[in-house]
């Protein structure tokens, strides 16, 4: 099953376009497939970062001096 696609225009640097054409030929994929995959991966990483941020937002704030002292005490600094 193919998902619905939309046409768009993007402008790539010449060397980036050349690299994409070569990668497409080497992997038997289209430039669109490669770009879609890269965008999906980037968006997924953003979603992971946001989820981690939301989880960490509930952690207590610690003064920098206290963290520094603890790192020195544990021999990590």
C-alpha atoms as a PDB file:
ATOM      1  CA  UNK A   1       0.000   0.000   0.000  1.00  0.00           C
ATOM      2  CA  UNK A   2       1.427   3.372  -1.031  1.00  0.00           C
ATOM      3  CA  UNK A   3       0.864   6.406   1.095  1.00  0.00           C
ATOM      4  CA  UNK A   4      -0.470   9.563  -0.439  1.00  0.00           C
ATOM      5  CA  UNK A   5       2.308  11.736  -1.785  1.00  0.00           C
ATOM      6  CA  UNK A   6       2.578  15.464  -2.396  1.00  0.00           C
ATOM      7  CA  UNK A   7       4.844  17.187  -4.847  1.00  0.00           C
ATOM      8  CA  UNK A   8       7.102  19.948  -3.553  1.00  0.00           C
ATOM      9  CA  UNK A   9      10.036  21.948  -4.793  1.00  0.00           C
ATOM     10  CA  UNK A  10      13.229  22.115  -2.803  1.00  0.00           C
ATOM     11  CA  UNK A  11      16.548  23.662  -3.702  1.00  0.00           C
ATOM     12  CA  UNK A  12      19.676  21.645  -2.982  1.00  0.00           C
ATOM     13  CA  UNK A  13      23.282  22.646  -3.194  1.00  0.00           C
ATOM     14  CA  UNK A  14      24.812  21.248  -6.385  1.00  0.00           C
ATOM     15  CA  UNK A  15      27.243  18.954  -4.571  1.00  0.00           C
ATOM     16  CA  UNK A  16      24.445  17.621  -2.336  1.00  0.00           C
ATOM     17  CA  UNK A  17      22.244  16.901  -5.360  1.00  0.00           C
ATOM     18  CA  UNK A  18      25.136  15.117  -7.062  1.00  0.00           C
ATOM     19  CA  UNK A  19      25.729  13.004  -3.945  1.00  0.00           C
ATOM     20  CA  UNK A  20      22.030  12.125  -3.751  1.00  0.00           C
ATOM     21  CA  UNK A  21      21.971  11.083  -7.410  1.00  0.00           C
ATOM     22  CA  UNK A  22      24.986   8.813  -6.821  1.00  0.00           C
ATOM     23  CA  UNK A  23      23.479   7.310  -3.663  1.00  0.00           C
ATOM     24  CA  UNK A  24      20.193   6.715  -5.474  1.00  0.00           C
ATOM     25  CA  UNK A  25      21.992   4.887  -8.268  1.00  0.00           C
ATOM     26  CA  UNK A  26      24.109   2.839  -5.844  1.00  0.00           C
ATOM     27  CA  UNK A  27      21.141   1.791  -3.687  1.00  0.00           C
ATOM     28  CA  UNK A  28      18.555   1.401  -6.464  1.00  0.00           C
ATOM     29  CA  UNK A  29      16.316   3.966  -4.750  1.00  0.00           C
ATOM     30  CA  UNK A  30      14.941   7.278  -5.936  1.00  0.00           C
ATOM     31  CA  UNK A  31      16.120  10.632  -4.613  1.00  0.00           C
ATOM     32  CA  UNK A  32      12.592  11.094  -3.230  1.00  0.00           C
ATOM     33  CA  UNK A  33      12.843   7.833  -1.277  1.00  0.00           C
ATOM     34  CA  UNK A  34      16.196   8.867   0.193  1.00  0.00           C
ATOM     35  CA  UNK A  35      14.977  12.360   1.115  1.00  0.00           C
ATOM     36  CA  UNK A  36      11.714  11.014   2.610  1.00  0.00           C
ATOM     37  CA  UNK A  37      13.673   8.538   4.714  1.00  0.00           C
ATOM     38  CA  UNK A  38      16.069  11.247   5.949  1.00  0.00           C
ATOM     39  CA  UNK A  39      13.210  13.594   6.855  1.00  0.00           C
ATOM     40  CA  UNK A  40      11.330  10.819   8.679  1.00  0.00           C
ATOM     41  CA  UNK A  41      14.473   9.942  10.638  1.00  0.00           C
ATOM     42  CA  UNK A  42      15.064  13.583  11.549  1.00  0.00           C
ATOM     43  CA  UNK A  43      11.474  14.033  12.726  1.00  0.00           C
ATOM     44  CA  UNK A  44      11.653  10.811  14.755  1.00  0.00           C
ATOM     45  CA  UNK A  45      14.824  12.051  16.474  1.00  0.00           C
ATOM     46  CA  UNK A  46      13.054  15.317  17.302  1.00  0.00           C
ATOM     47  CA  UNK A  47      10.132  13.380  18.780  1.00  0.00           C
ATOM     48  CA  UNK A  48      12.545  11.306  20.898  1.00  0.00           C
ATOM     49  CA  UNK A  49      14.279  14.473  22.091  1.00  0.00           C
ATOM     50  CA  UNK A  50      10.954  16.080  23.024  1.00  0.00           C
ATOM     51  CA  UNK A  51       9.848  12.967  24.908  1.00  0.00           C
ATOM     52  CA  UNK A  52      13.149  12.874  26.819  1.00  0.00           C
ATOM     53  CA  UNK A  53      12.832  16.569  27.613  1.00  0.00           C
ATOM     54  CA  UNK A  54       9.304  16.092  28.964  1.00  0.00           C
ATOM     55  CA  UNK A  55      10.493  13.207  31.146  1.00  0.00           C
ATOM     56  CA  UNK A  56      13.472  15.174  32.444  1.00  0.00           C
ATOM     57  CA  UNK A  57      11.370  18.316  33.014  1.00  0.00           C
ATOM     58  CA  UNK A  58       9.861  16.623  36.074  1.00  0.00           C
ATOM     59  CA  UNK A  59      13.296  16.096  37.643  1.00  0.00           C
ATOM     60  CA  UNK A  60      14.325  18.488  40.385  1.00  0.00           C
ATOM     61  CA  UNK A  61      16.630  21.373  39.571  1.00  0.00           C
ATOM     62  CA  UNK A  62      20.038  21.113  41.176  1.00  0.00           C
ATOM     63  CA  UNK A  63      22.389  24.021  41.778  1.00  0.00           C
ATOM     64  CA  UNK A  64      25.473  23.837  39.565  1.00  0.00           C
ATOM     65  CA  UNK A  65      27.774  24.037  42.599  1.00  0.00           C
ATOM     66  CA  UNK A  66      26.123  20.973  44.142  1.00  0.00           C
ATOM     67  CA  UNK A  67      26.494  18.958  40.923  1.00  0.00           C
ATOM     68  CA  UNK A  68      30.131  20.040  40.601  1.00  0.00           C
ATOM     69  CA  UNK A  69      30.871  19.073  44.217  1.00  0.00           C
ATOM     70  CA  UNK A  70      29.228  15.668  43.722  1.00  0.00           C
ATOM     71  CA  UNK A  71      31.214  14.980  40.534  1.00  0.00           C
ATOM     72  CA  UNK A  72      34.464  15.845  42.320  1.00  0.00           C
ATOM     73  CA  UNK A  73      33.499  13.666  45.307  1.00  0.00           C
ATOM     74  CA  UNK A  74      32.897  10.691  43.005  1.00  0.00           C
ATOM     75  CA  UNK A  75      36.186  11.267  41.155  1.00  0.00           C
ATOM     76  CA  UNK A  76      34.463  12.047  37.880  1.00  0.00           C
ATOM     77  CA  UNK A  77      35.937  15.501  37.604  1.00  0.00           C
END
